[in-house]
N, C-alpha and C. Protein backbone atom coordinates (compact mmCIF):
# COMPACT_ATOMS: atom_id res chain seq x y z
N MET A 1 2.69 -6.35 -13.75
CA MET A 1 3.19 -7.40 -12.56
C MET A 1 4.00 -8.56 -13.23
N PHE A 2 4.97 -8.94 -12.18
CA PHE A 2 5.59 -10.52 -12.72
C PHE A 2 5.42 -11.36 -11.68
N PRO A 3 5.55 -12.58 -11.84
CA PRO A 3 5.68 -13.13 -10.37
C PRO A 3 6.57 -13.14 -9.63
N TYR A 4 7.83 -12.98 -9.49
CA TYR A 4 8.79 -12.49 -8.82
C TYR A 4 8.27 -11.51 -7.69
N MET A 5 7.13 -11.20 -8.39
CA MET A 5 6.52 -9.23 -7.29
C MET A 5 6.03 -9.47 -6.79
N ILE A 6 5.15 -10.86 -6.64
CA ILE A 6 4.18 -11.28 -5.61
C ILE A 6 4.09 -11.76 -4.41
N GLY A 7 3.91 -11.42 -3.30
CA GLY A 7 4.94 -11.87 -2.37
C GLY A 7 3.83 -12.69 -1.23
N GLU A 8 3.89 -13.82 -0.51
CA GLU A 8 3.17 -14.65 0.14
C GLU A 8 3.30 -14.57 2.05
N ASP A 9 4.84 -14.22 2.25
CA ASP A 9 4.91 -14.10 3.23
C ASP A 9 5.25 -13.21 3.96
N LYS A 10 4.02 -12.65 5.53
CA LYS A 10 4.06 -11.29 5.89
C LYS A 10 4.63 -11.72 7.40
N GLU A 11 5.18 -12.69 7.52
CA GLU A 11 5.68 -12.44 8.93
C GLU A 11 7.08 -11.75 9.24
N THR A 12 8.00 -11.94 8.03
CA THR A 12 9.17 -11.60 8.47
C THR A 12 9.47 -10.08 8.84
N TYR A 13 8.59 -9.15 8.69
CA TYR A 13 9.01 -7.65 9.15
C TYR A 13 7.30 -7.78 9.45
N LYS A 14 6.98 -8.12 10.44
CA LYS A 14 5.58 -8.48 11.15
C LYS A 14 5.76 -6.81 12.04
N THR A 15 6.72 -6.70 13.15
CA THR A 15 6.61 -5.81 13.98
C THR A 15 7.11 -4.19 13.16
N ALA A 16 7.73 -4.33 12.34
CA ALA A 16 8.29 -2.94 11.49
C ALA A 16 6.97 -2.46 10.90
N PHE A 17 6.36 -3.85 10.28
CA PHE A 17 5.03 -3.49 9.17
C PHE A 17 3.79 -3.09 10.02
N GLU A 18 3.35 -3.54 11.22
CA GLU A 18 2.60 -2.99 12.27
C GLU A 18 2.65 -1.96 12.72
N TYR A 19 3.95 -1.70 13.33
CA TYR A 19 4.23 0.06 13.73
C TYR A 19 3.67 0.75 12.31
N ALA A 20 4.76 0.69 11.35
CA ALA A 20 3.85 1.53 10.06
C ALA A 20 2.57 1.37 9.59
N ILE A 21 2.04 0.27 10.02
CA ILE A 21 0.10 0.57 9.51
C ILE A 21 -0.59 1.67 10.83
N ARG A 22 0.16 1.38 12.25
CA ARG A 22 -0.74 2.00 13.28
C ARG A 22 -0.41 3.86 12.67
N TYR A 23 0.89 3.95 12.37
CA TYR A 23 1.07 5.14 12.15
C TYR A 23 0.61 5.92 10.84
N PHE A 24 0.41 4.94 9.99
CA PHE A 24 -0.51 5.44 8.35
C PHE A 24 -1.59 5.77 9.21
N ALA A 25 -2.46 4.70 9.96
CA ALA A 25 -4.03 5.04 10.35
C ALA A 25 -4.22 6.32 10.52
N GLU A 26 -3.23 6.75 11.61
CA GLU A 26 -3.32 8.00 11.91
C GLU A 26 -3.38 9.32 11.41
N LYS A 27 -3.04 9.27 10.23
CA LYS A 27 -2.68 10.19 9.30
C LYS A 27 -4.27 10.36 8.14
N ASP A 28 -3.94 11.83 7.79
CA ASP A 28 -4.98 12.36 7.38
C ASP A 28 -5.10 11.78 5.56
N PRO A 29 -5.87 11.00 4.99
CA PRO A 29 -5.43 10.22 3.54
C PRO A 29 -5.12 11.35 2.77
N LEU A 30 -6.25 12.22 3.17
CA LEU A 30 -6.20 13.69 2.28
C LEU A 30 -4.92 14.83 1.89
N LYS A 31 -4.14 14.40 3.05
CA LYS A 31 -2.99 15.10 3.12
C LYS A 31 -1.71 14.10 2.89
N MET A 32 -1.53 13.03 3.19
CA MET A 32 -0.90 12.12 2.66
C MET A 32 -0.83 11.81 1.50
N SER A 33 -2.16 12.21 0.80
CA SER A 33 -1.99 11.93 -0.68
C SER A 33 -1.34 13.08 -1.54
N GLU A 34 -2.18 14.76 -1.11
CA GLU A 34 -1.49 15.88 -1.58
C GLU A 34 0.14 15.79 -1.10
N ASN A 35 0.68 15.73 -0.30
CA ASN A 35 2.31 15.63 -0.24
C ASN A 35 3.04 14.84 -0.93
N SER A 36 2.03 13.75 -1.34
CA SER A 36 3.27 12.52 -2.32
C SER A 36 2.80 12.31 -3.45
N GLY A 37 1.82 13.14 -3.94
CA GLY A 37 1.33 12.96 -5.46
C GLY A 37 0.46 11.93 -5.75
N ALA A 38 -0.08 11.28 -5.06
CA ALA A 38 -0.77 9.98 -4.89
C ALA A 38 -2.11 10.55 -5.08
N ILE A 39 -3.22 9.67 -5.13
CA ILE A 39 -4.39 9.83 -5.37
C ILE A 39 -5.41 9.31 -4.48
N PHE A 40 -6.35 9.80 -3.62
CA PHE A 40 -7.02 9.34 -2.64
C PHE A 40 -8.79 9.01 -2.92
N ASP A 41 -9.13 7.96 -2.99
CA ASP A 41 -10.36 7.75 -3.73
C ASP A 41 -10.99 7.49 -2.16
N PRO A 42 -12.01 8.40 -1.84
CA PRO A 42 -12.64 8.43 -0.38
C PRO A 42 -14.02 7.24 -0.71
N LYS A 43 -14.31 7.12 -2.08
CA LYS A 43 -15.52 6.12 -2.34
C LYS A 43 -15.17 4.56 -1.79
N GLN A 44 -13.49 4.38 -2.31
CA GLN A 44 -13.00 2.87 -1.98
C GLN A 44 -12.32 2.63 -0.86
N SER A 45 -11.86 4.39 -0.02
CA SER A 45 -11.23 4.39 0.91
C SER A 45 -9.50 3.77 0.93
N SER A 46 -9.41 4.37 -0.38
CA SER A 46 -8.00 3.63 -1.04
C SER A 46 -7.00 4.85 -1.59
N ILE A 47 -5.49 5.01 -1.30
CA ILE A 47 -4.86 5.83 -1.85
C ILE A 47 -4.24 4.99 -3.31
N ARG A 48 -3.94 5.71 -4.07
CA ARG A 48 -3.31 4.64 -5.38
C ARG A 48 -1.88 5.21 -5.55
N ILE A 49 -0.92 4.79 -5.68
CA ILE A 49 0.41 5.32 -5.90
C ILE A 49 1.09 4.83 -7.11
N LYS A 50 1.95 5.41 -7.33
CA LYS A 50 3.00 4.86 -8.55
C LYS A 50 4.18 4.82 -8.26
N SER A 51 4.99 3.12 -8.38
CA SER A 51 6.65 3.06 -7.61
C SER A 51 7.14 2.33 -8.80
N LEU A 52 8.41 2.35 -8.83
CA LEU A 52 8.98 1.32 -9.31
C LEU A 52 8.12 1.00 -10.44
N GLY A 53 7.61 1.34 -11.54
CA GLY A 53 7.03 1.25 -12.66
C GLY A 53 5.64 0.57 -12.31
N GLN A 54 5.17 0.39 -11.27
CA GLN A 54 4.15 -0.07 -11.00
C GLN A 54 3.03 0.42 -10.20
N VAL A 55 1.67 0.51 -10.80
CA VAL A 55 0.87 1.10 -9.39
C VAL A 55 0.20 0.46 -8.19
N PHE A 56 -0.11 0.53 -7.35
CA PHE A 56 -0.61 -0.23 -6.56
C PHE A 56 -1.94 1.07 -5.67
N ASP A 57 -2.26 -0.03 -5.01
CA ASP A 57 -3.88 0.53 -4.16
C ASP A 57 -3.34 0.15 -2.57
N VAL A 58 -3.70 1.26 -1.81
CA VAL A 58 -3.35 1.04 -0.44
C VAL A 58 -4.64 1.28 0.22
N LYS A 59 -5.40 0.73 0.63
CA LYS A 59 -6.43 0.57 1.51
C LYS A 59 -6.54 1.48 3.00
N TYR A 60 -7.31 2.33 3.00
CA TYR A 60 -6.68 3.25 4.37
C TYR A 60 -7.76 2.92 4.98
N PRO A 61 -7.77 2.64 6.27
CA PRO A 61 -6.72 2.50 7.41
C PRO A 61 -5.96 1.26 7.36
N GLU A 62 -6.58 0.46 7.04
CA GLU A 62 -5.70 -1.31 7.08
C GLU A 62 -4.89 -1.12 6.66
N GLY A 63 -4.02 -0.21 5.38
CA GLY A 63 -2.79 -0.20 4.97
C GLY A 63 -2.60 -1.61 3.98
N LYS A 64 -3.73 -2.35 3.83
CA LYS A 64 -3.18 -3.25 2.58
C LYS A 64 -2.46 -2.82 1.45
N ILE A 65 -1.64 -3.28 1.05
CA ILE A 65 -1.19 -3.12 -0.44
C ILE A 65 -1.43 -4.40 -0.91
N VAL A 66 -1.65 -3.66 -2.54
CA VAL A 66 -2.21 -5.04 -3.78
C VAL A 66 -1.68 -4.02 -4.90
N PHE A 67 -1.48 -4.82 -6.06
CA PHE A 67 -1.51 -4.48 -7.37
C PHE A 67 -2.57 -3.93 -8.00
N ASN A 68 -2.47 -2.37 -8.48
CA ASN A 68 -3.60 -1.81 -9.23
C ASN A 68 -4.70 -3.36 -9.83
N GLY A 69 -5.74 -2.95 -9.55
CA GLY A 69 -6.75 -3.96 -9.95
C GLY A 69 -6.84 -5.63 -9.75
N SER A 70 -6.09 -6.11 -8.59
CA SER A 70 -5.50 -7.52 -8.61
C SER A 70 -5.93 -7.25 -7.12
N LYS A 71 -5.45 -8.59 -6.54
CA LYS A 71 -5.62 -9.39 -5.67
C LYS A 71 -4.29 -9.33 -4.72
N TYR A 72 -3.57 -9.43 -5.58
CA TYR A 72 -2.06 -9.75 -5.22
C TYR A 72 -1.11 -8.74 -4.46
N MET A 73 -0.90 -8.92 -3.30
CA MET A 73 -0.01 -7.99 -2.93
C MET A 73 1.65 -8.58 -3.48
N PRO A 74 2.20 -7.26 -3.07
CA PRO A 74 3.75 -7.21 -3.89
C PRO A 74 4.45 -8.22 -2.78
N ALA A 75 5.72 -8.39 -3.39
CA ALA A 75 6.79 -8.96 -2.42
C ALA A 75 7.74 -8.05 -1.85
N TRP A 76 8.24 -8.29 -0.65
CA TRP A 76 9.01 -7.30 0.43
C TRP A 76 10.36 -7.28 -0.62
N ASN A 77 10.65 -8.00 -0.90
CA ASN A 77 12.39 -8.41 -1.42
C ASN A 77 12.43 -7.73 -2.69
N TRP A 78 11.46 -6.98 -3.49
CA TRP A 78 11.97 -6.61 -4.63
C TRP A 78 11.61 -5.41 -5.08
């Protein structure tokens, strides 16, 4: 993780993001994990994915995305 990858502004894509989160929350996390090659941890209620050389944890059903093992969320522009 590099400093330029850490995001702070959530307002830029707010409408699209809210729609995506609602859609995400309606889906079965086990099926999403199976279909994507991600790993679902039912105890933590999170999906771990690898993308662009980074590992992310996505909380289910909230959809909060952070770099694995941190509290930092990725910037949307990288």
